[in-house]
Amino acid sequence: MKDLLMKKQAEIGIIFDLDGTLIDTIADIAAAIQPILREKDYPAHRVVSYKRFVGSGLRNTLINALPADHGLSTEEIDQMYTRMLINYRAHPYDAAYPYDGIPRLLHYLDDAAIPKAILSNKVHDITHTIVDHLLGDFSFVSVQGLSDEFPRKPDPSSALSIAQKMGLSPSRIVLIGDSEVDFKTARAAGMYPIVVSWGFSPSEELCKNIPEECIVDDQRQLLELISTLSAKA
């Protein structure tokens, strides 16, 4: 982190993950999957348990919620996934909300004219729907969810595409997420990683796999860091 602060940059950009970073979406994800599990008489999970299942796209979230011995074919899982998406698209933000301090942070970035984007492994259209509803007052260079255009994170292709839209080299972009997937994406793209500890990944797991200097524990700390970066630019 100190190395980044010491660089005299003309400009910085910010790429945010969505789920667990800007917005708590876990209850709506759980609500979309629980009926699918009940159809098969599979055990349901507590909402908080879904935090262990997310991070690599909604289809993998569904698979992670299935019993280990489910024995389902790919075609059967695809059919369940289709029904799950119908559920989620019908209720994408019933219980979702921005984390405390996030609106203030985004207002700061808008006022400071720091370009920002959102990059999620959530399906592209649902990502846009949630951002438009809950973060529609803020400007983003790009809001990118999972689509056929790019592989899911941690493949860096989508992050590098956003860097091109910002007109910035990857080394001048901070990628902020809540998981090891986001950390690996930043590293693969040549961006600086920041991982927040208030999201869906257990803090103890973050500490095992991510350098301590890359972990931020609250929104105020994140705002202070970005303020320092922008002042140094």
Protein backbone atom coordinates (compact mmCIF):
# COMPACT_ATOMS: atom_id res chain seq x y z
CA MET A 1 0.00 0.00 0.00
CA LYS A 2 2.86 2.36 0.84
CA ASP A 3 4.30 1.88 -2.66
CA LEU A 4 1.03 2.97 -4.21
CA LEU A 5 0.81 6.06 -2.01
CA MET A 6 4.32 7.11 -3.00
CA LYS A 7 3.62 7.10 -6.73
CA LYS A 8 2.89 10.46 -8.27
CA GLN A 9 -0.05 9.56 -10.47
CA ALA A 10 -1.96 11.85 -12.77
CA GLU A 11 -5.18 10.04 -11.91
CA ILE A 12 -6.50 6.93 -10.22
CA GLY A 13 -9.55 4.82 -10.94
CA ILE A 14 -11.59 2.53 -8.74
CA ILE A 15 -13.22 -0.78 -9.67
CA PHE A 16 -15.64 -2.13 -7.07
CA ASP A 17 -17.02 -5.59 -6.65
CA LEU A 18 -20.76 -5.41 -5.90
CA ASP A 19 -22.00 -8.16 -3.56
CA GLY A 20 -20.43 -7.97 -0.12
CA THR A 21 -18.49 -4.84 -1.05
CA LEU A 22 -21.00 -2.11 -1.90
CA ILE A 23 -24.29 -3.90 -1.22
CA ASP A 24 -25.47 -6.68 1.08
CA THR A 25 -27.44 -8.90 -1.31
CA ILE A 26 -27.23 -12.20 0.54
CA ALA A 27 -30.86 -12.42 1.71
CA ASP A 28 -32.24 -12.05 -1.83
CA ILE A 29 -29.80 -14.63 -3.19
CA ALA A 30 -30.89 -17.06 -0.49
CA ALA A 31 -34.56 -16.35 -1.20
CA ALA A 32 -34.05 -17.19 -4.88
CA ILE A 33 -32.41 -20.54 -4.11
CA GLN A 34 -34.38 -21.86 -1.14
CA PRO A 35 -37.51 -22.78 -3.16
CA ILE A 36 -35.31 -24.68 -5.62
CA LEU A 37 -33.88 -26.76 -2.79
CA ARG A 38 -37.35 -27.43 -1.36
CA GLU A 39 -38.51 -28.76 -4.73
CA LYS A 40 -35.92 -31.52 -4.40
CA ASP A 41 -36.50 -32.03 -0.67
CA TYR A 42 -32.94 -30.89 -0.02
CA PRO A 43 -32.06 -29.30 3.32
CA ALA A 44 -32.48 -25.54 3.43
CA HIS A 45 -29.73 -23.26 4.73
CA ARG A 46 -29.73 -20.28 7.02
CA VAL A 47 -29.36 -17.01 5.12
CA VAL A 48 -25.95 -16.38 6.64
CA SER A 49 -24.74 -19.73 5.30
CA TYR A 50 -25.02 -18.41 1.75
CA LYS A 51 -22.02 -16.20 2.40
CA ARG A 52 -19.93 -19.38 2.07
CA PHE A 53 -21.47 -20.21 -1.31
CA VAL A 54 -21.09 -16.95 -3.25
CA GLY A 55 -18.19 -15.40 -5.15
CA SER A 56 -17.94 -17.29 -8.43
CA GLY A 57 -21.29 -16.52 -10.04
CA LEU A 58 -24.88 -17.45 -9.29
CA ARG A 59 -24.75 -20.86 -10.94
CA ASN A 60 -21.85 -21.87 -8.70
CA THR A 61 -23.70 -20.42 -5.71
CA LEU A 62 -26.58 -22.77 -6.47
CA ILE A 63 -24.23 -25.73 -6.89
CA ASN A 64 -22.50 -24.91 -3.60
CA ALA A 65 -25.88 -24.91 -1.86
CA LEU A 66 -26.68 -28.44 -3.06
CA PRO A 67 -25.87 -31.50 -0.95
CA ALA A 68 -22.43 -32.90 -1.73
CA ASP A 69 -24.02 -36.18 -2.87
CA HIS A 70 -26.76 -34.61 -5.04
CA GLY A 71 -25.95 -36.76 -8.08
CA LEU A 72 -27.61 -34.32 -10.46
CA SER A 73 -26.69 -34.14 -14.12
CA THR A 74 -25.47 -30.93 -15.75
CA GLU A 75 -28.83 -30.66 -17.53
CA GLU A 76 -30.73 -30.94 -14.25
CA ILE A 77 -28.55 -28.28 -12.63
CA ASP A 78 -29.10 -26.03 -15.66
CA GLN A 79 -32.86 -26.39 -15.25
CA MET A 80 -32.63 -25.54 -11.55
CA TYR A 81 -30.42 -22.56 -12.34
CA THR A 82 -32.97 -21.27 -14.86
CA ARG A 83 -35.71 -21.41 -12.21
CA MET A 84 -33.43 -19.74 -9.71
CA LEU A 85 -32.82 -16.84 -12.09
CA ILE A 86 -36.56 -16.45 -12.60
CA ASN A 87 -36.93 -16.16 -8.81
CA TYR A 88 -34.07 -13.70 -8.49
CA ARG A 89 -35.12 -11.49 -11.39
CA ALA A 90 -38.58 -11.22 -9.81
CA HIS A 91 -37.12 -10.05 -6.47
CA PRO A 92 -33.57 -8.78 -7.01
CA TYR A 93 -33.44 -6.17 -4.24
CA ASP A 94 -36.27 -6.84 -1.78
CA ALA A 95 -33.86 -7.04 1.16
CA ALA A 96 -30.66 -5.64 -0.38
CA TYR A 97 -29.09 -2.43 0.91
CA PRO A 98 -25.81 -0.48 0.60
CA TYR A 99 -23.46 -0.95 3.52
CA ASP A 100 -23.09 1.92 5.98
CA GLY A 101 -20.75 4.57 4.63
CA ILE A 102 -20.96 3.45 1.00
CA PRO A 103 -23.20 6.31 -0.22
CA ARG A 104 -20.84 8.80 1.44
CA LEU A 105 -17.87 7.14 -0.25
CA LEU A 106 -19.53 7.20 -3.68
CA HIS A 107 -20.53 10.84 -3.22
CA TYR A 108 -16.90 11.64 -2.44
CA LEU A 109 -15.72 9.88 -5.60
CA ASP A 110 -18.29 11.73 -7.70
CA ASP A 111 -17.29 15.09 -6.20
CA ALA A 112 -13.60 14.34 -6.68
CA ALA A 113 -14.20 13.21 -10.30
CA ILE A 114 -12.45 9.90 -9.61
CA PRO A 115 -13.64 7.40 -12.24
CA LYS A 116 -15.28 4.31 -10.82
CA ALA A 117 -16.85 1.13 -12.12
CA ILE A 118 -18.52 -2.02 -10.84
CA LEU A 119 -17.36 -5.51 -11.80
CA SER A 120 -19.40 -8.46 -10.53
CA ASN A 121 -19.63 -12.19 -11.12
CA LYS A 122 -23.40 -11.82 -10.81
CA VAL A 123 -25.42 -12.16 -14.04
CA HIS A 124 -25.09 -8.95 -16.04
CA ASP A 125 -28.75 -7.90 -16.25
CA ILE A 126 -29.40 -8.52 -12.55
CA THR A 127 -26.25 -6.58 -11.68
CA HIS A 128 -27.57 -3.60 -13.65
CA THR A 129 -31.03 -3.85 -12.11
CA ILE A 130 -29.66 -3.77 -8.56
CA VAL A 131 -27.19 -0.95 -9.26
CA ASP A 132 -29.85 1.15 -11.02
CA HIS A 133 -32.23 0.74 -8.08
CA LEU A 134 -29.87 1.11 -5.12
CA LEU A 135 -26.97 3.13 -6.54
CA GLY A 136 -28.69 5.02 -9.32
CA ASP A 137 -27.70 8.42 -7.93
CA PHE A 138 -24.03 7.78 -8.68
CA SER A 139 -22.08 7.74 -11.93
CA PHE A 140 -20.08 4.73 -13.10
CA VAL A 141 -17.85 4.40 -16.14
CA SER A 142 -19.03 0.81 -16.46
CA VAL A 143 -21.30 -1.62 -14.64
CA GLN A 144 -20.20 -5.08 -15.72
CA GLY A 145 -21.75 -8.34 -14.63
CA LEU A 146 -21.15 -11.86 -15.86
CA SER A 147 -21.90 -12.32 -19.56
CA ASP A 148 -20.64 -14.27 -22.55
CA GLU A 149 -18.27 -11.40 -23.38
CA PHE A 150 -15.73 -12.16 -20.64
CA PRO A 151 -14.85 -15.07 -18.34
CA ARG A 152 -15.76 -14.64 -14.69
CA LYS A 153 -13.32 -13.23 -12.16
CA PRO A 154 -10.51 -13.94 -11.30
CA ASP A 155 -9.83 -13.89 -15.03
CA PRO A 156 -8.60 -10.29 -15.54
CA SER A 157 -10.13 -9.69 -18.98
CA SER A 158 -13.19 -7.78 -17.77
CA ALA A 159 -11.13 -5.65 -15.37
CA LEU A 160 -8.68 -4.78 -18.14
CA SER A 161 -11.56 -3.84 -20.42
CA ILE A 162 -12.81 -1.41 -17.75
CA ALA A 163 -9.31 0.07 -17.47
CA GLN A 164 -9.43 0.83 -21.19
CA LYS A 165 -12.80 2.55 -20.78
CA MET A 166 -11.31 4.66 -17.98
CA GLY A 167 -8.31 5.52 -20.12
CA LEU A 168 -5.97 4.45 -17.33
CA SER A 169 -3.19 1.91 -17.13
CA PRO A 170 -4.01 -1.01 -14.82
CA SER A 171 -1.29 0.05 -12.37
CA ARG A 172 -3.27 3.23 -11.66
CA ILE A 173 -6.46 1.39 -10.76
CA VAL A 174 -7.49 0.11 -7.33
CA LEU A 175 -9.74 -2.96 -7.39
CA ILE A 176 -11.85 -3.25 -4.24
CA GLY A 177 -13.68 -6.45 -3.32
CA ASP A 178 -14.52 -8.70 -0.42
CA SER A 179 -12.96 -12.01 -1.40
CA GLU A 180 -9.86 -13.85 -2.50
CA VAL A 181 -11.41 -13.93 -5.99
CA ASP A 182 -11.24 -10.13 -6.13
CA PHE A 183 -7.68 -10.13 -4.77
CA LYS A 184 -6.60 -12.59 -7.46
CA THR A 185 -8.39 -10.55 -10.14
CA ALA A 186 -6.50 -7.42 -9.14
CA ARG A 187 -3.17 -9.20 -9.09
CA ALA A 188 -3.80 -10.84 -12.47
CA ALA A 189 -4.78 -7.48 -13.99
CA GLY A 190 -1.80 -5.62 -12.54
CA MET A 191 -4.08 -3.50 -10.35
CA TYR A 192 -3.75 -2.70 -6.66
CA PRO A 193 -6.00 -4.91 -4.51
CA ILE A 194 -8.00 -3.81 -1.50
CA VAL A 195 -10.18 -6.38 0.23
CA VAL A 196 -12.88 -5.27 2.67
CA SER A 197 -13.58 -7.41 5.71
CA TRP A 198 -17.28 -6.52 6.15
CA GLY A 199 -18.43 -8.64 3.21
CA PHE A 200 -19.23 -12.29 2.65
CA SER A 201 -15.81 -13.86 3.20
CA PRO A 202 -14.91 -14.80 6.80
CA SER A 203 -12.22 -12.50 8.21
CA GLU A 204 -10.08 -15.42 9.27
CA GLU A 205 -10.04 -16.75 5.69
CA LEU A 206 -9.06 -13.34 4.32
CA CYS A 207 -6.16 -13.11 6.76
CA LYS A 208 -4.91 -16.55 5.71
CA ASN A 209 -4.75 -15.78 2.01
CA ILE A 210 -4.38 -12.01 1.63
CA PRO A 211 -1.61 -9.68 2.89
CA GLU A 212 -2.68 -7.70 5.93
CA GLU A 213 -1.85 -4.38 4.27
CA CYS A 214 -4.45 -5.08 1.58
CA ILE A 215 -7.35 -5.59 4.03
CA VAL A 216 -9.62 -2.72 5.10
CA ASP A 217 -11.91 -3.18 8.09
CA ASP A 218 -14.48 -0.38 7.79
CA GLN A 219 -15.88 2.13 5.34
CA ARG A 220 -14.25 5.10 7.06
CA GLN A 221 -10.83 3.51 6.68
CA LEU A 222 -11.57 2.87 3.01
CA LEU A 223 -12.66 6.46 2.46
CA GLU A 224 -9.54 7.78 4.19
CA LEU A 225 -7.33 5.57 2.04
CA ILE A 226 -8.96 6.67 -1.20
CA SER A 227 -8.81 10.31 -0.07
CA THR A 228 -5.09 9.91 0.51
CA LEU A 229 -4.60 8.27 -2.86
CA SER A 230 -6.47 11.02 -4.68
CA ALA A 231 -4.54 13.73 -2.84
CA LYS A 232 -1.27 12.10 -3.89
CA ALA A 233 -2.35 11.81 -7.52
